[in-house]
N, C-alpha and C. Protein backbone atom coordinates (compact mmCIF):
# COMPACT_ATOMS: atom_id res chain seq x y z
N MET A 1 -38.77 -16.85 -18.57
CA MET A 1 -40.03 -16.20 -18.26
C MET A 1 -40.04 -14.84 -18.96
N PRO A 2 -40.95 -14.61 -19.82
CA PRO A 2 -40.97 -13.34 -20.55
C PRO A 2 -41.43 -12.20 -19.67
N ALA A 3 -40.94 -11.03 -19.98
CA ALA A 3 -41.33 -9.84 -19.23
C ALA A 3 -42.70 -9.39 -19.70
N THR A 4 -43.49 -8.97 -18.75
CA THR A 4 -44.81 -8.47 -19.08
C THR A 4 -44.84 -6.98 -18.85
N ALA A 5 -45.83 -6.33 -19.39
CA ALA A 5 -45.96 -4.88 -19.23
C ALA A 5 -46.13 -4.54 -17.76
N GLY A 6 -45.34 -3.61 -17.28
CA GLY A 6 -45.47 -3.15 -15.91
C GLY A 6 -44.63 -3.93 -14.92
N SER A 7 -43.97 -4.98 -15.35
CA SER A 7 -43.13 -5.73 -14.42
C SER A 7 -41.70 -5.71 -14.93
N ALA A 8 -40.77 -5.60 -14.02
CA ALA A 8 -39.36 -5.58 -14.38
C ALA A 8 -38.74 -6.89 -13.93
N THR A 9 -38.13 -7.59 -14.86
CA THR A 9 -37.45 -8.83 -14.51
C THR A 9 -35.97 -8.66 -14.78
N LEU A 10 -35.16 -9.35 -14.01
CA LEU A 10 -33.72 -9.29 -14.16
C LEU A 10 -33.27 -10.56 -14.85
N ASP A 11 -32.65 -10.40 -15.98
CA ASP A 11 -32.12 -11.55 -16.68
C ASP A 11 -30.89 -12.02 -15.94
N ILE A 12 -30.88 -13.26 -15.51
CA ILE A 12 -29.79 -13.80 -14.70
C ILE A 12 -28.49 -13.85 -15.50
N MET A 13 -28.57 -14.00 -16.79
CA MET A 13 -27.38 -14.10 -17.62
C MET A 13 -26.67 -12.75 -17.79
N GLU A 14 -27.36 -11.67 -17.58
CA GLU A 14 -26.73 -10.35 -17.71
C GLU A 14 -26.05 -9.98 -16.40
N GLN A 15 -24.73 -9.92 -16.44
CA GLN A 15 -23.96 -9.53 -15.27
C GLN A 15 -23.46 -8.10 -15.48
N PRO A 16 -23.46 -7.28 -14.44
CA PRO A 16 -22.94 -5.93 -14.60
C PRO A 16 -21.45 -5.97 -14.92
N GLN A 17 -21.01 -5.13 -15.80
CA GLN A 17 -19.61 -5.07 -16.19
C GLN A 17 -18.83 -4.31 -15.13
N PRO A 18 -17.67 -4.85 -14.72
CA PRO A 18 -16.86 -4.12 -13.73
C PRO A 18 -16.32 -2.84 -14.33
N THR A 19 -16.27 -1.84 -13.50
CA THR A 19 -15.75 -0.56 -13.95
C THR A 19 -14.40 -0.31 -13.29
N ALA A 20 -13.56 0.42 -13.96
CA ALA A 20 -12.25 0.75 -13.41
C ALA A 20 -12.43 1.80 -12.31
N PRO A 21 -11.62 1.73 -11.26
CA PRO A 21 -11.71 2.75 -10.20
C PRO A 21 -11.36 4.12 -10.76
N SER A 22 -12.02 5.11 -10.26
CA SER A 22 -11.75 6.46 -10.74
C SER A 22 -10.41 6.94 -10.19
N ALA A 23 -9.86 7.93 -10.84
CA ALA A 23 -8.53 8.43 -10.49
C ALA A 23 -8.50 9.01 -9.08
N HIS A 24 -9.56 9.68 -8.65
CA HIS A 24 -9.52 10.29 -7.32
C HIS A 24 -9.59 9.25 -6.21
N ARG A 25 -10.07 8.03 -6.49
CA ARG A 25 -10.06 6.98 -5.48
C ARG A 25 -8.68 6.36 -5.34
N LEU A 26 -7.87 6.47 -6.38
CA LEU A 26 -6.52 5.92 -6.34
C LEU A 26 -5.48 6.92 -5.87
N LEU A 27 -5.85 8.18 -5.78
CA LEU A 27 -4.89 9.23 -5.44
C LEU A 27 -4.35 9.06 -4.02
N LEU A 28 -5.20 8.86 -3.05
CA LEU A 28 -4.75 8.75 -1.66
C LEU A 28 -3.87 7.52 -1.43
N PRO A 29 -4.24 6.32 -1.91
CA PRO A 29 -3.32 5.19 -1.73
C PRO A 29 -2.00 5.37 -2.46
N ALA A 30 -2.03 5.99 -3.63
CA ALA A 30 -0.79 6.23 -4.36
C ALA A 30 0.09 7.22 -3.61
N LEU A 31 -0.51 8.24 -3.04
CA LEU A 31 0.24 9.22 -2.26
C LEU A 31 0.83 8.57 -1.01
N ALA A 32 0.05 7.75 -0.33
CA ALA A 32 0.53 7.07 0.87
C ALA A 32 1.68 6.13 0.53
N LEU A 33 1.57 5.41 -0.58
CA LEU A 33 2.63 4.51 -1.00
C LEU A 33 3.91 5.28 -1.33
N THR A 34 3.76 6.42 -1.97
CA THR A 34 4.92 7.25 -2.31
C THR A 34 5.61 7.77 -1.06
N VAL A 35 4.84 8.22 -0.08
CA VAL A 35 5.42 8.73 1.17
C VAL A 35 6.12 7.61 1.92
N MET A 36 5.49 6.42 1.99
CA MET A 36 6.12 5.30 2.69
C MET A 36 7.41 4.87 1.99
N ALA A 37 7.42 4.87 0.66
CA ALA A 37 8.63 4.51 -0.08
C ALA A 37 9.74 5.52 0.17
N ALA A 38 9.39 6.81 0.23
CA ALA A 38 10.39 7.84 0.50
C ALA A 38 10.97 7.69 1.90
N LEU A 39 10.12 7.40 2.88
CA LEU A 39 10.60 7.22 4.25
C LEU A 39 11.48 5.97 4.36
N LEU A 40 11.08 4.92 3.69
CA LEU A 40 11.89 3.69 3.70
C LEU A 40 13.23 3.93 3.04
N GLY A 41 13.23 4.67 1.93
CA GLY A 41 14.49 4.99 1.26
C GLY A 41 15.39 5.84 2.13
N ALA A 42 14.81 6.81 2.84
CA ALA A 42 15.61 7.66 3.73
C ALA A 42 16.18 6.85 4.90
N ALA A 43 15.39 5.95 5.44
CA ALA A 43 15.87 5.11 6.55
C ALA A 43 16.99 4.18 6.08
N PHE A 44 16.83 3.60 4.91
CA PHE A 44 17.86 2.71 4.39
C PHE A 44 19.14 3.48 4.09
N SER A 45 19.00 4.68 3.54
CA SER A 45 20.16 5.51 3.25
C SER A 45 20.89 5.88 4.55
N GLY A 46 20.12 6.22 5.57
CA GLY A 46 20.73 6.52 6.87
C GLY A 46 21.41 5.32 7.48
N TRP A 47 20.82 4.14 7.28
CA TRP A 47 21.43 2.92 7.80
C TRP A 47 22.76 2.66 7.10
N LEU A 48 22.80 2.87 5.79
CA LEU A 48 24.05 2.67 5.06
C LEU A 48 25.11 3.68 5.49
N ALA A 49 24.68 4.91 5.75
CA ALA A 49 25.64 5.96 6.11
C ALA A 49 26.12 5.84 7.55
N TYR A 50 25.24 5.47 8.47
CA TYR A 50 25.57 5.52 9.89
C TYR A 50 25.47 4.17 10.60
N GLY A 51 25.26 3.09 9.86
CA GLY A 51 25.07 1.77 10.48
C GLY A 51 26.27 1.30 11.27
N THR A 52 27.45 1.54 10.73
CA THR A 52 28.67 1.12 11.43
C THR A 52 28.83 1.88 12.74
N ASP A 53 28.58 3.17 12.71
CA ASP A 53 28.69 3.97 13.93
C ASP A 53 27.66 3.51 14.97
N ILE A 54 26.47 3.21 14.52
CA ILE A 54 25.43 2.74 15.45
C ILE A 54 25.85 1.42 16.08
N PHE A 55 26.36 0.51 15.26
CA PHE A 55 26.77 -0.80 15.78
C PHE A 55 27.93 -0.67 16.75
N LEU A 56 28.93 0.16 16.41
CA LEU A 56 30.08 0.32 17.31
C LEU A 56 29.67 0.98 18.63
N THR A 57 28.76 1.92 18.58
CA THR A 57 28.27 2.54 19.81
C THR A 57 27.55 1.51 20.67
N MET A 58 26.75 0.67 20.03
CA MET A 58 26.06 -0.38 20.78
C MET A 58 27.06 -1.38 21.37
N ALA A 59 28.10 -1.68 20.61
CA ALA A 59 29.12 -2.64 21.09
C ALA A 59 29.84 -2.07 22.30
N GLU A 60 30.14 -0.79 22.27
CA GLU A 60 30.82 -0.17 23.41
C GLU A 60 29.95 -0.19 24.66
N ASN A 61 28.66 -0.10 24.47
CA ASN A 61 27.75 -0.09 25.62
C ASN A 61 27.25 -1.48 25.98
N GLY A 62 27.63 -2.49 25.22
CA GLY A 62 27.24 -3.85 25.55
C GLY A 62 25.88 -4.26 25.00
N PHE A 63 25.33 -3.49 24.10
CA PHE A 63 24.01 -3.81 23.56
C PHE A 63 24.05 -4.41 22.16
N SER A 64 25.25 -4.71 21.66
CA SER A 64 25.35 -5.18 20.27
C SER A 64 24.69 -6.53 20.07
N ASN A 65 24.64 -7.37 21.11
CA ASN A 65 23.99 -8.67 20.95
C ASN A 65 22.49 -8.52 20.90
N CYS A 66 21.93 -7.46 21.43
CA CYS A 66 20.49 -7.22 21.35
C CYS A 66 20.12 -6.57 20.02
N PHE A 67 21.09 -5.96 19.40
CA PHE A 67 20.87 -5.22 18.16
C PHE A 67 20.88 -6.19 17.03
């Protein structure tokens, strides 16, 4: 159907091109991911350093089977 003067038609074949997200929209998720990775790394490091002591303390108190 041809376009006439004064009327706007949308060509169905023309699809809008996706745009990349802007940098400021990615900043907060990237920051949150970095903080979570740092906390996970710190927890894992603490587990490696003190895991044996935690387990032995639980064993002495009878909670090692729950742990």
